[in-house]
């Protein structure tokens, strides 16, 4: 399990804003989200853009979009 210091460093690499005020759990969630976005963009060639914690933009190209 990574330390808070390690999570902070990774969040800094990803350019996570507000990381200095985040708890260890919040840092872990932010890093997981950023890793997931990177993974998705790599395998699907699509784009997920995170503007801030409350605004996530998803651009899906040539991928099945389920209807709810």
Protein backbone atom coordinates (compact mmCIF):
# COMPACT_ATOMS: atom_id res chain seq x y z
CA UNK A 1 0.00 0.00 0.00
CA UNK A 2 1.53 3.35 -1.02
CA UNK A 3 2.24 6.03 1.56
CA UNK A 4 0.60 9.45 1.52
CA UNK A 5 3.95 10.89 0.38
CA UNK A 6 4.08 8.48 -2.58
CA UNK A 7 0.46 9.22 -3.51
CA UNK A 8 1.16 12.96 -3.30
CA UNK A 9 4.14 12.59 -5.65
CA UNK A 10 2.05 10.63 -8.15
CA UNK A 11 -0.79 13.17 -7.92
CA UNK A 12 1.76 15.90 -8.59
CA UNK A 13 2.93 14.02 -11.72
CA UNK A 14 -0.67 13.93 -12.94
CA UNK A 15 -1.14 17.64 -12.14
CA UNK A 16 -3.95 17.06 -9.64
CA UNK A 17 -5.08 20.42 -8.29
CA UNK A 18 -5.72 20.79 -4.56
CA UNK A 19 -3.51 17.83 -3.70
CA UNK A 20 -1.94 19.63 -0.73
CA UNK A 21 -5.31 19.71 1.05
CA UNK A 22 -6.25 16.10 0.25
CA UNK A 23 -6.31 13.24 2.71
CA UNK A 24 -4.54 9.98 1.90
CA UNK A 25 -7.83 8.45 0.74
CA UNK A 26 -8.60 11.43 -1.50
CA UNK A 27 -5.11 11.29 -3.01
CA UNK A 28 -5.52 7.58 -3.64
CA UNK A 29 -8.87 8.14 -5.37
CA UNK A 30 -7.44 10.95 -7.51
CA UNK A 31 -4.44 8.83 -8.55
CA UNK A 32 -6.69 5.85 -9.37
CA UNK A 33 -8.93 8.09 -11.46
CA UNK A 34 -5.97 9.57 -13.33
CA UNK A 35 -4.48 6.11 -13.95
CA UNK A 36 -7.86 4.89 -15.22
CA UNK A 37 -8.16 7.83 -17.59
CA UNK A 38 -4.65 7.23 -18.89
CA UNK A 39 -5.37 3.51 -19.36
CA UNK A 40 -8.68 4.15 -21.14
CA UNK A 41 -7.14 6.73 -23.46
CA UNK A 42 -4.28 4.35 -24.28
CA UNK A 43 -6.40 1.32 -25.12
CA UNK A 44 -9.41 2.97 -26.71
CA UNK A 45 -7.84 5.97 -28.36
CA UNK A 46 -10.67 8.03 -26.91
CA UNK A 47 -10.46 11.00 -24.65
CA UNK A 48 -11.57 11.67 -21.09
CA UNK A 49 -10.81 15.16 -19.84
CA UNK A 50 -10.99 16.05 -16.16
CA UNK A 51 -11.39 19.78 -15.64
CA UNK A 52 -11.90 19.59 -11.87
CA UNK A 53 -13.48 17.29 -9.32
CA UNK A 54 -17.03 18.21 -10.32
CA UNK A 55 -16.62 18.46 -14.09
CA UNK A 56 -15.65 15.40 -16.15
CA UNK A 57 -15.93 15.58 -19.92
CA UNK A 58 -16.00 12.36 -21.92
CA UNK A 59 -15.53 12.24 -25.66
CA UNK A 60 -16.23 8.80 -27.07
CA UNK A 61 -15.42 8.05 -30.68
CA UNK A 62 -16.60 4.91 -32.46
CA UNK A 63 -17.45 3.14 -29.23
CA UNK A 64 -20.79 1.60 -28.33
CA UNK A 65 -22.71 3.97 -26.08
CA UNK A 66 -25.34 2.14 -24.01
CA UNK A 67 -28.75 3.71 -23.55
CA UNK A 68 -30.31 3.89 -20.15
